[in-house]
Amino acid sequence: GGKYVKAGTVYPSNDANAIGLVYEDVDVTTGNMPGSVVTQGVVFEDRLPQTVSTAAHLALDAKITFQNSPSVTRP
């Protein structure tokens, strides 16, 4: 019954104002809470909880590299 901001959500909004991605789930049931934001690195875009908009991609382009997760072949 709680409210959460999921890890991988574009912060603060999924548009040209994007500055990063939420690092881990944050419980906001009782109001705003502190949380970590990824501002640099490599992210597997196909594992994010939402599609990153084109404007957010452009805003994060110099900071975050988006890739698809590698396929794993099991023997």
Protein backbone atom coordinates (compact mmCIF):
# COMPACT_ATOMS: atom_id res chain seq x y z
CA GLY A 1 0.00 0.00 0.00
CA GLY A 2 3.01 2.31 -0.12
CA LYS A 3 4.17 4.67 -2.85
CA TYR A 4 7.60 4.13 -4.36
CA VAL A 5 9.81 5.79 -6.95
CA LYS A 6 11.36 2.83 -8.77
CA ALA A 7 15.07 2.47 -9.40
CA GLY A 8 15.88 3.60 -12.94
CA THR A 9 13.24 6.35 -13.04
CA VAL A 10 14.47 9.47 -14.83
CA TYR A 11 15.00 12.27 -12.29
CA PRO A 12 13.49 14.85 -11.88
CA SER A 13 11.42 14.35 -15.03
CA ASN A 14 11.56 12.33 -18.24
CA ASP A 15 12.27 15.33 -20.48
CA ALA A 16 14.99 17.91 -21.21
CA ASN A 17 15.28 18.66 -17.45
CA ALA A 18 16.68 15.17 -16.71
CA ILE A 19 19.85 15.12 -14.59
CA GLY A 20 20.11 11.40 -13.85
CA LEU A 21 18.41 8.13 -12.89
CA VAL A 22 17.17 7.09 -9.45
CA TYR A 23 19.68 4.53 -8.10
CA GLU A 24 17.42 2.47 -5.83
CA ASP A 25 13.74 2.31 -4.92
CA VAL A 26 12.67 5.19 -2.66
CA ASP A 27 9.64 4.93 -0.35
CA VAL A 28 7.70 8.20 -0.68
CA THR A 29 4.55 7.01 1.12
CA THR A 30 4.92 9.66 3.83
CA GLY A 31 6.26 12.42 1.57
CA ASN A 32 9.51 13.40 -0.08
CA MET A 33 12.48 11.30 0.99
CA PRO A 34 16.20 11.46 0.17
CA GLY A 35 17.53 9.15 -2.51
CA SER A 36 20.59 8.59 -4.68
CA VAL A 37 20.75 9.60 -8.34
CA VAL A 38 23.12 8.15 -10.94
CA THR A 39 24.64 11.05 -12.88
CA GLN A 40 27.41 9.23 -14.77
CA GLY A 41 27.99 5.72 -16.02
CA VAL A 42 26.66 2.97 -18.26
CA VAL A 43 23.01 1.90 -17.95
CA PHE A 44 21.20 -1.05 -19.53
CA GLU A 45 18.26 0.80 -21.01
CA ASP A 46 16.16 -2.32 -21.64
CA ARG A 47 16.09 -2.98 -17.87
CA LEU A 48 14.70 0.41 -16.87
CA PRO A 49 11.10 0.60 -15.55
CA GLN A 50 10.12 3.22 -18.14
CA THR A 51 11.13 4.27 -21.63
CA VAL A 52 13.55 7.21 -21.60
CA SER A 53 12.24 10.03 -23.79
CA THR A 54 14.29 11.47 -26.64
CA ALA A 55 14.62 14.78 -24.78
CA ALA A 56 15.94 13.00 -21.67
CA HIS A 57 18.41 11.05 -23.83
CA LEU A 58 19.77 14.31 -25.19
CA ALA A 59 20.00 15.86 -21.71
CA LEU A 60 21.87 12.83 -20.32
CA ASP A 61 23.94 12.09 -23.43
CA ALA A 62 27.28 13.42 -22.18
CA LYS A 63 26.85 11.82 -18.73
CA ILE A 64 25.18 8.44 -19.13
CA THR A 65 25.79 5.86 -21.84
CA PHE A 66 22.71 3.80 -22.66
CA GLN A 67 23.17 0.22 -23.88
CA ASN A 68 21.09 -2.92 -24.16
CA SER A 69 21.94 -5.64 -21.69
CA PRO A 70 24.22 -8.37 -23.02
CA SER A 71 22.67 -11.70 -23.87
CA VAL A 72 23.75 -14.57 -21.67
CA THR A 73 24.13 -18.05 -23.11
CA ARG A 74 24.01 -20.82 -20.56
CA PRO A 75 25.81 -24.10 -21.31
